[in-house]
Amino acid sequence: LSREEEKLYQFLVKRGTHANRDQIQESCKFESDQVLSQAINGLIQKSRLELFHQGSNLVFRAIAETDLAAHQILADLPHEEALVYQSVDRAGDNGIWMGTIRRETSLAAPKLKKALKALQLKKLIKSFKSFGSKSKLLYIKFDLQPNKKLCGGVFWDLTTNTYDVAFVNILKQFFSGKISSKIHATAEELRQDYITELREPGLAQVDLELEDVQKIINILIYDGDVEPVITSSGDTTMYKPSYLVLPELKIAEVPCIRCPVAKNCSDTGDITPELCVYFQKWLDF
């Protein structure tokens, strides 16, 4: 920045709000209106200043250092792409549907599709499918991750749109091993182990909340690998290895799964679990 540009920029930053030419000149005392105009134009070209109308007057406001990157992106984009990018940016990690972008920007569908494609090629935005509505594409800034509520949680793989069994199995093995080595461990201790040993070194790409860790612990409990222990104070739950041997239920062999009249089965009538010979044979097995 030139000396005049720096003076104007620092004045507006300290002011914290907009100012018109008279207010700027009164405080900064530039040599002439021409020097002030040159400083204003220089800051606008460098994306350090924005201007807008307030009534019949033009007013100016400094763009904060933290917002410079976003404003620079907008400055380098064609008008229609900039409008679309701003809509996506405002949506945050909730994403935004194409129909909503169209209402906000008033762009015709062909121009909107062209802008969306261009922004994706520039890796400024990306699309994902909502877990609750898999046929609807949502758009989000490229460097953001979708809100967990929209994508089925951390255990849902957005690339395949399926439950991430491999990731769950890795976590089960990791937490089970930690509980076995520590003898007793809380959910928060397991979460910290995950952060230190898997997340921070980059071996895992997902941030786990306490509730996510608890879901994996619950699976380990159902599998009979760990069991909860309540501390003497009663306000903390710890987990220890379980040596309980659960019976193999062979769920896949339940006759009900392939029974041709299962839809007619009920508590009363001719077709009931109590009268089913195949069901009894399975229980006896």
Protein backbone atom coordinates (compact mmCIF):
# COMPACT_ATOMS: atom_id res chain seq x y z
CA LEU A 1 0.00 0.00 0.00
CA SER A 2 1.09 3.54 -0.68
CA ARG A 3 1.45 6.01 2.19
CA GLU A 4 -1.91 7.62 1.40
CA GLU A 5 -3.64 4.24 1.00
CA GLU A 6 -2.23 3.04 4.31
CA LYS A 7 -3.42 6.20 6.08
CA LEU A 8 -6.93 5.83 4.71
CA TYR A 9 -7.10 2.11 5.42
CA GLN A 10 -5.92 2.46 9.03
CA PHE A 11 -8.39 5.29 9.64
CA LEU A 12 -11.35 3.18 8.47
CA VAL A 13 -10.14 0.09 10.40
CA LYS A 14 -9.90 2.07 13.65
CA ARG A 15 -13.23 3.75 12.97
CA GLY A 16 -14.87 0.33 12.72
CA THR A 17 -17.71 1.55 10.51
CA HIS A 18 -18.27 3.33 7.22
CA ALA A 19 -17.40 6.95 6.47
CA ASN A 20 -18.14 9.37 3.64
CA ARG A 21 -15.57 11.52 1.81
CA ASP A 22 -16.10 14.54 4.06
CA GLN A 23 -15.55 12.50 7.24
CA ILE A 24 -12.44 10.92 5.77
CA GLN A 25 -10.99 14.24 4.63
CA GLU A 26 -11.75 15.87 7.98
CA SER A 27 -9.76 13.21 9.88
CA CYS A 28 -7.03 12.28 7.41
CA LYS A 29 -6.48 15.74 5.88
CA PHE A 30 -5.28 14.65 2.44
CA GLU A 31 -3.56 17.30 0.34
CA SER A 32 -6.42 17.40 -2.15
CA ASP A 33 -9.57 15.60 -3.28
CA GLN A 34 -7.52 14.07 -6.09
CA VAL A 35 -5.12 12.45 -3.62
CA LEU A 36 -8.10 11.10 -1.64
CA SER A 37 -9.68 9.70 -4.82
CA GLN A 38 -6.40 8.00 -5.76
CA ALA A 39 -6.18 6.39 -2.30
CA ILE A 40 -9.81 5.21 -2.50
CA ASN A 41 -9.37 3.75 -6.00
CA GLY A 42 -6.11 2.07 -5.01
CA LEU A 43 -7.71 0.35 -2.00
CA ILE A 44 -10.72 -0.75 -4.04
CA GLN A 45 -8.44 -2.30 -6.70
CA LYS A 46 -6.53 -4.13 -3.96
CA SER A 47 -9.78 -5.43 -2.38
CA ARG A 48 -9.13 -3.50 0.83
CA LEU A 49 -12.14 -1.20 0.58
CA GLU A 50 -15.82 -1.60 -0.22
CA LEU A 51 -18.24 1.16 -1.11
CA PHE A 52 -22.01 1.38 -1.06
CA HIS A 53 -24.78 3.93 -1.18
CA GLN A 54 -26.27 5.43 1.95
CA GLY A 55 -29.12 7.54 0.74
CA SER A 56 -27.65 9.79 -1.93
CA ASN A 57 -24.09 9.56 -0.55
CA LEU A 58 -21.28 7.12 -1.22
CA VAL A 59 -19.73 5.69 1.92
CA PHE A 60 -16.62 3.55 2.36
CA ARG A 61 -15.70 0.75 4.73
CA ALA A 62 -12.42 -1.09 5.26
CA ILE A 63 -12.33 -4.83 4.62
CA ALA A 64 -10.87 -6.54 7.69
CA GLU A 65 -7.65 -8.55 7.34
CA THR A 66 -9.52 -11.74 8.24
CA ASP A 67 -11.94 -11.18 5.32
CA LEU A 68 -9.35 -10.30 2.70
CA ALA A 69 -9.04 -13.83 1.32
CA ALA A 70 -12.78 -14.15 0.71
CA HIS A 71 -12.99 -10.71 -0.88
CA GLN A 72 -10.00 -11.49 -3.10
CA ILE A 73 -11.75 -14.62 -4.33
CA LEU A 74 -14.84 -12.56 -5.18
CA ALA A 75 -12.75 -9.90 -6.89
CA ASP A 76 -11.23 -12.52 -9.23
CA LEU A 77 -14.58 -14.09 -10.18
CA PRO A 78 -16.99 -13.11 -12.95
CA HIS A 79 -20.12 -11.43 -11.64
CA GLU A 80 -22.45 -14.47 -11.90
CA GLU A 81 -19.94 -16.83 -10.28
CA ALA A 82 -19.38 -14.30 -7.48
CA LEU A 83 -23.12 -14.19 -6.76
CA VAL A 84 -23.31 -17.98 -6.54
CA TYR A 85 -20.17 -18.20 -4.40
CA GLN A 86 -21.61 -15.69 -1.91
CA SER A 87 -24.79 -17.76 -1.55
CA VAL A 88 -22.79 -20.92 -0.92
CA ASP A 89 -20.52 -19.08 1.52
CA ARG A 90 -23.48 -17.79 3.57
CA ALA A 91 -24.91 -21.32 3.86
CA GLY A 92 -21.87 -22.52 5.85
CA ASP A 93 -21.63 -26.23 6.63
CA ASN A 94 -25.37 -26.73 6.11
CA GLY A 95 -24.93 -26.46 2.35
CA ILE A 96 -27.41 -24.93 -0.05
CA TRP A 97 -29.70 -26.37 -2.71
CA MET A 98 -29.61 -25.18 -6.31
CA GLY A 99 -33.19 -23.95 -6.05
CA THR A 100 -32.32 -21.75 -3.09
CA ILE A 101 -29.28 -20.31 -4.90
CA ARG A 102 -31.49 -19.50 -7.87
CA ARG A 103 -33.95 -17.60 -5.66
CA GLU A 104 -31.15 -15.65 -3.97
CA THR A 105 -29.27 -14.75 -7.15
CA SER A 106 -32.18 -14.48 -9.64
CA LEU A 107 -30.00 -16.28 -12.19
CA ALA A 108 -31.59 -18.31 -14.98
CA ALA A 109 -31.11 -22.07 -14.67
CA PRO A 110 -28.57 -22.41 -17.56
CA LYS A 111 -26.39 -19.58 -16.20
CA LEU A 112 -26.62 -20.97 -12.66
CA LYS A 113 -25.57 -24.46 -13.79
CA LYS A 114 -22.66 -22.95 -15.73
CA ALA A 115 -21.53 -20.94 -12.67
CA LEU A 116 -21.79 -23.95 -10.36
CA LYS A 117 -19.73 -26.09 -12.74
CA ALA A 118 -17.08 -23.36 -13.08
CA LEU A 119 -16.77 -22.93 -9.30
CA GLN A 120 -16.40 -26.68 -8.84
CA LEU A 121 -13.67 -26.84 -11.47
CA LYS A 122 -11.87 -24.01 -9.63
CA LYS A 123 -12.24 -26.05 -6.40
CA LEU A 124 -14.06 -23.23 -4.66
CA ILE A 125 -17.21 -25.27 -3.97
CA LYS A 126 -18.20 -28.94 -3.93
CA SER A 127 -21.44 -30.87 -3.88
CA PHE A 128 -22.75 -33.61 -1.59
CA LYS A 129 -25.96 -35.55 -1.12
CA SER A 130 -27.92 -35.09 2.05
CA PHE A 131 -28.43 -38.25 4.10
CA GLY A 132 -32.12 -37.43 4.46
CA SER A 133 -32.65 -36.66 0.75
CA LYS A 134 -30.20 -38.60 -1.37
CA SER A 135 -31.65 -37.30 -4.64
CA LYS A 136 -30.97 -33.65 -3.80
CA LEU A 137 -27.51 -32.14 -4.33
CA LEU A 138 -26.31 -29.54 -1.84
CA TYR A 139 -23.37 -27.19 -2.41
CA ILE A 140 -20.77 -26.17 0.16
CA LYS A 141 -17.44 -24.34 0.17
CA PHE A 142 -14.61 -26.62 -0.92
CA ASP A 143 -12.65 -26.36 2.34
CA LEU A 144 -15.63 -27.18 4.59
CA GLN A 145 -17.05 -30.49 5.76
CA PRO A 146 -20.84 -30.94 5.68
CA ASN A 147 -22.72 -30.78 8.96
CA LYS A 148 -22.88 -34.27 10.49
CA LYS A 149 -26.66 -34.06 10.77
CA LEU A 150 -26.89 -33.78 6.98
CA CYS A 151 -24.58 -36.63 6.08
CA GLY A 152 -25.57 -39.41 8.44
CA GLY A 153 -22.88 -38.71 11.03
CA VAL A 154 -19.16 -39.42 11.00
CA PHE A 155 -19.70 -43.09 10.21
CA TRP A 156 -21.39 -42.43 6.88
CA ASP A 157 -19.18 -42.45 3.76
CA LEU A 158 -20.35 -39.64 1.46
CA THR A 159 -18.30 -40.93 -1.50
CA THR A 160 -20.13 -44.27 -1.57
CA ASN A 161 -23.25 -43.15 0.31
CA THR A 162 -22.97 -46.21 2.55
CA TYR A 163 -22.16 -47.03 6.17
CA ASP A 164 -18.37 -46.91 6.62
CA VAL A 165 -17.89 -50.41 8.02
CA ALA A 166 -14.10 -50.32 7.60
CA PHE A 167 -13.74 -47.13 9.69
CA VAL A 168 -16.05 -48.50 12.40
CA ASN A 169 -14.03 -51.73 12.60
CA ILE A 170 -10.78 -49.76 12.93
CA LEU A 171 -12.25 -47.75 15.82
CA LYS A 172 -13.60 -50.89 17.50
CA GLN A 173 -10.16 -52.48 17.37
CA PHE A 174 -8.43 -49.29 18.56
CA PHE A 175 -10.75 -48.63 21.53
CA SER A 176 -10.90 -52.29 22.52
CA GLY A 177 -7.10 -52.42 22.58
CA LYS A 178 -6.90 -49.26 24.68
CA ILE A 179 -9.41 -50.56 27.21
CA SER A 180 -7.53 -53.86 27.46
CA SER A 181 -4.18 -52.14 28.02
CA LYS A 182 -5.53 -49.63 30.55
CA ILE A 183 -7.85 -52.11 32.32
CA HIS A 184 -10.23 -49.19 32.94
CA ALA A 185 -10.92 -46.19 30.70
CA THR A 186 -13.56 -43.48 30.32
CA ALA A 187 -15.07 -42.40 27.01
CA GLU A 188 -13.25 -39.06 27.22
CA GLU A 189 -9.90 -40.82 27.79
CA LEU A 190 -10.54 -42.95 24.70
CA ARG A 191 -11.41 -39.84 22.70
CA GLN A 192 -8.15 -38.18 23.74
CA ASP A 193 -6.22 -41.32 22.74
CA TYR A 194 -7.89 -41.17 19.34
CA ILE A 195 -6.95 -37.51 18.90
CA THR A 196 -3.34 -38.03 19.98
CA GLU A 197 -2.59 -41.29 18.18
CA LEU A 198 -4.79 -41.22 15.09
CA ARG A 199 -6.24 -37.77 14.34
CA GLU A 200 -3.27 -35.46 14.96
CA PRO A 201 -0.74 -37.66 13.07
CA GLY A 202 -3.16 -37.69 10.13
CA LEU A 203 -3.91 -41.42 10.30
CA ALA A 204 -7.62 -40.56 10.66
CA GLN A 205 -9.36 -37.73 8.83
CA VAL A 206 -12.48 -37.43 10.99
CA ASP A 207 -13.02 -35.49 14.23
CA LEU A 208 -14.87 -37.56 16.82
CA GLU A 209 -17.14 -36.05 19.43
CA LEU A 210 -17.79 -37.77 22.74
CA GLU A 211 -21.12 -39.10 21.48
CA ASP A 212 -19.35 -40.72 18.50
CA VAL A 213 -16.93 -42.50 20.82
CA GLN A 214 -19.86 -43.65 22.94
CA LYS A 215 -21.50 -45.24 19.90
CA ILE A 216 -18.40 -47.36 19.26
CA ILE A 217 -18.23 -48.30 22.95
CA ASN A 218 -21.87 -49.39 22.80
CA ILE A 219 -21.07 -51.69 19.87
CA LEU A 220 -18.22 -53.22 21.88
CA ILE A 221 -20.63 -53.76 24.78
CA TYR A 222 -23.18 -55.45 22.52
CA ASP A 223 -20.40 -57.61 21.06
CA GLY A 224 -19.42 -58.67 24.58
CA ASP A 225 -15.91 -57.20 24.29
CA VAL A 226 -16.19 -54.58 27.06
CA GLU A 227 -18.52 -53.83 29.94
CA PRO A 228 -19.35 -50.65 31.88
CA VAL A 229 -18.27 -50.06 35.47
CA ILE A 230 -19.79 -47.34 37.64
CA THR A 231 -17.31 -45.63 39.97
CA SER A 232 -17.98 -45.49 43.70
CA SER A 233 -19.01 -41.84 43.41
CA GLY A 234 -21.61 -42.87 40.86
CA ASP A 235 -20.95 -39.93 38.54
CA THR A 236 -18.44 -41.53 36.14
CA THR A 237 -18.77 -44.55 33.87
CA MET A 238 -15.61 -46.47 33.03
CA TYR A 239 -15.16 -49.42 30.73
CA LYS A 240 -13.16 -52.60 31.24
CA PRO A 241 -12.52 -55.74 29.19
CA SER A 242 -15.36 -58.26 29.34
CA TYR A 243 -14.68 -61.96 29.72
CA LEU A 244 -18.32 -62.89 29.23
CA VAL A 245 -18.76 -65.42 26.43
CA LEU A 246 -21.90 -64.65 24.48
CA PRO A 247 -23.70 -67.49 22.68
CA GLU A 248 -23.57 -67.53 18.89
CA LEU A 249 -27.13 -66.76 17.85
CA LYS A 250 -26.76 -67.46 14.11
CA ILE A 251 -29.18 -64.66 13.28
CA ALA A 252 -28.75 -65.27 9.55
CA GLU A 253 -30.33 -68.73 9.99
CA VAL A 254 -33.54 -67.51 11.64
CA PRO A 255 -36.31 -69.23 9.62
CA CYS A 256 -38.45 -66.07 9.72
CA ILE A 257 -36.03 -64.33 7.32
CA ARG A 258 -36.85 -66.68 4.43
CA CYS A 259 -40.34 -67.81 5.51
CA PRO A 260 -42.83 -67.37 2.60
CA VAL A 261 -45.75 -66.68 4.98
CA ALA A 262 -43.89 -64.41 7.45
CA LYS A 263 -46.16 -61.47 6.59
CA ASN A 264 -49.16 -63.51 7.82
CA CYS A 265 -47.50 -64.47 11.11
CA SER A 266 -49.01 -62.98 14.28
CA ASP A 267 -49.68 -63.72 17.95
CA THR A 268 -53.03 -65.34 17.13
CA GLY A 269 -54.41 -67.52 14.35
CA ASP A 270 -53.03 -70.51 12.47
CA ILE A 271 -49.60 -69.00 11.77
CA THR A 272 -47.83 -68.00 14.99
CA PRO A 273 -44.27 -68.27 16.35
CA GLU A 274 -45.62 -70.58 19.07
CA LEU A 275 -46.97 -73.11 16.53
CA CYS A 276 -44.05 -72.82 14.06
CA VAL A 277 -42.07 -76.09 14.02
CA TYR A 278 -39.19 -74.49 12.12
CA PHE A 279 -38.85 -71.73 14.70
CA GLN A 280 -38.78 -74.32 17.50
CA LYS A 281 -36.10 -76.35 15.74
CA TRP A 282 -33.97 -73.22 15.43
CA LEU A 283 -34.36 -72.45 19.15
CA ASP A 284 -33.48 -76.04 20.09
CA PHE A 285 -30.37 -75.83 17.90
